[in-house]
C-alpha cells in the first residue's frame, strides 16, 4: 500500500485549521512557526490574520488560545468578504 504526500502551503494549512476549528493543529503549527501568528494571509478575496479568521468562523477556544499563548496583534487589519464560497 502506498500513499502520496502533498505539499501544502502555510496559508492553506493555517486557514484550514482555523476554518475547521482544529485548535490543536493550529497551536502546534504556530508553536513551530510563531512568525505566522500575526501574518496576513489571503484566502479568496479575504486578507486576514489567524485571529480575524477565528473571529469570522466563531471559534471561541481558538480565539482564547491565540490571545493568551501567542499574544497576537488585536489591532491588525484585514479584509473579510461575507459571501465566501462554501468549499
Protein backbone atom coordinates (compact mmCIF):
# COMPACT_ATOMS: atom_id res chain seq x y z
CA UNK A 1 0.00 0.00 0.00
CA UNK A 2 1.34 3.43 -0.88
CA UNK A 3 0.23 6.93 -0.10
CA UNK A 4 1.12 10.30 -1.52
CA UNK A 5 2.19 13.30 0.47
CA UNK A 6 1.15 16.61 -0.96
CA UNK A 7 2.84 19.88 -0.23
CA UNK A 8 0.53 22.33 1.48
CA UNK A 9 1.49 25.96 1.72
CA UNK A 10 1.35 27.84 5.00
CA UNK A 11 -1.70 29.87 4.05
CA UNK A 12 -3.78 26.82 3.22
CA UNK A 13 -2.67 24.91 6.32
CA UNK A 14 -3.43 27.77 8.70
CA UNK A 15 -6.70 28.69 7.02
CA UNK A 16 -7.97 25.11 7.02
CA UNK A 17 -7.05 24.65 10.68
CA UNK A 18 -8.91 27.83 11.64
CA UNK A 19 -11.87 27.22 9.33
CA UNK A 20 -12.45 23.69 10.56
CA UNK A 21 -11.78 24.53 14.20
CA UNK A 22 -8.68 22.34 14.54
CA UNK A 23 -7.43 24.10 17.65
CA UNK A 24 -4.59 21.65 18.35
CA UNK A 25 -3.32 21.62 14.75
CA UNK A 26 -3.14 25.41 14.69
CA UNK A 27 -1.43 25.53 18.08
CA UNK A 28 1.23 23.01 17.02
CA UNK A 29 1.86 24.78 13.73
CA UNK A 30 2.14 28.23 15.32
CA UNK A 31 4.43 26.88 18.06
CA UNK A 32 6.78 25.71 15.32
CA UNK A 33 6.27 28.88 13.23
CA UNK A 34 5.48 31.74 15.65
CA UNK A 35 6.10 34.38 12.97
CA UNK A 36 2.85 33.22 11.29
CA UNK A 37 0.67 34.18 14.28
CA UNK A 38 0.45 37.81 13.10
CA UNK A 39 0.96 37.26 9.38
CA UNK A 40 -1.76 38.37 6.97
CA UNK A 41 -2.88 35.55 4.70
CA UNK A 42 -5.00 35.67 1.56
CA UNK A 43 -7.97 33.36 1.10
CA UNK A 44 -10.14 34.05 -1.97
CA UNK A 45 -10.93 37.78 -1.64
CA UNK A 46 -10.16 37.91 2.09
CA UNK A 47 -6.95 39.06 3.70
CA UNK A 48 -6.81 38.16 7.35
CA UNK A 49 -4.70 37.06 10.26
CA UNK A 50 -5.44 33.81 12.12
CA UNK A 51 -7.17 35.94 14.79
CA UNK A 52 -9.52 37.58 12.27
CA UNK A 53 -10.29 34.21 10.67
CA UNK A 54 -11.05 32.65 14.07
CA UNK A 55 -13.43 35.55 14.77
CA UNK A 56 -15.12 35.11 11.39
CA UNK A 57 -15.66 31.38 12.00
CA UNK A 58 -16.69 31.93 15.67
CA UNK A 59 -14.11 29.60 17.25
CA UNK A 60 -14.01 30.99 20.79
CA UNK A 61 -11.48 28.49 22.19
CA UNK A 62 -9.16 29.25 19.28
CA UNK A 63 -9.52 32.98 19.96
CA UNK A 64 -8.54 32.45 23.58
CA UNK A 65 -5.53 30.36 22.59
CA UNK A 66 -4.32 32.94 20.06
CA UNK A 67 -4.69 35.81 22.53
CA UNK A 68 -3.15 34.08 25.55
CA UNK A 69 -0.50 31.83 24.08
CA UNK A 70 0.69 33.78 21.04
CA UNK A 71 -0.06 37.39 22.04
CA UNK A 72 -1.42 38.18 18.60
CA UNK A 73 -1.89 41.77 17.44
CA UNK A 74 -5.52 42.69 18.14
CA UNK A 75 -5.20 45.84 16.03
CA UNK A 76 -4.19 44.01 12.86
CA UNK A 77 -6.32 44.97 9.88
CA UNK A 78 -7.69 42.78 7.16
CA UNK A 79 -10.45 42.38 4.61
CA UNK A 80 -13.35 39.99 5.14
CA UNK A 81 -15.78 39.10 2.38
CA UNK A 82 -19.04 37.68 3.71
CA UNK A 83 -20.14 35.74 0.63
CA UNK A 84 -17.23 33.27 0.51
CA UNK A 85 -17.56 30.05 -1.48
CA UNK A 86 -18.57 27.13 0.73
CA UNK A 87 -15.84 24.65 -0.36
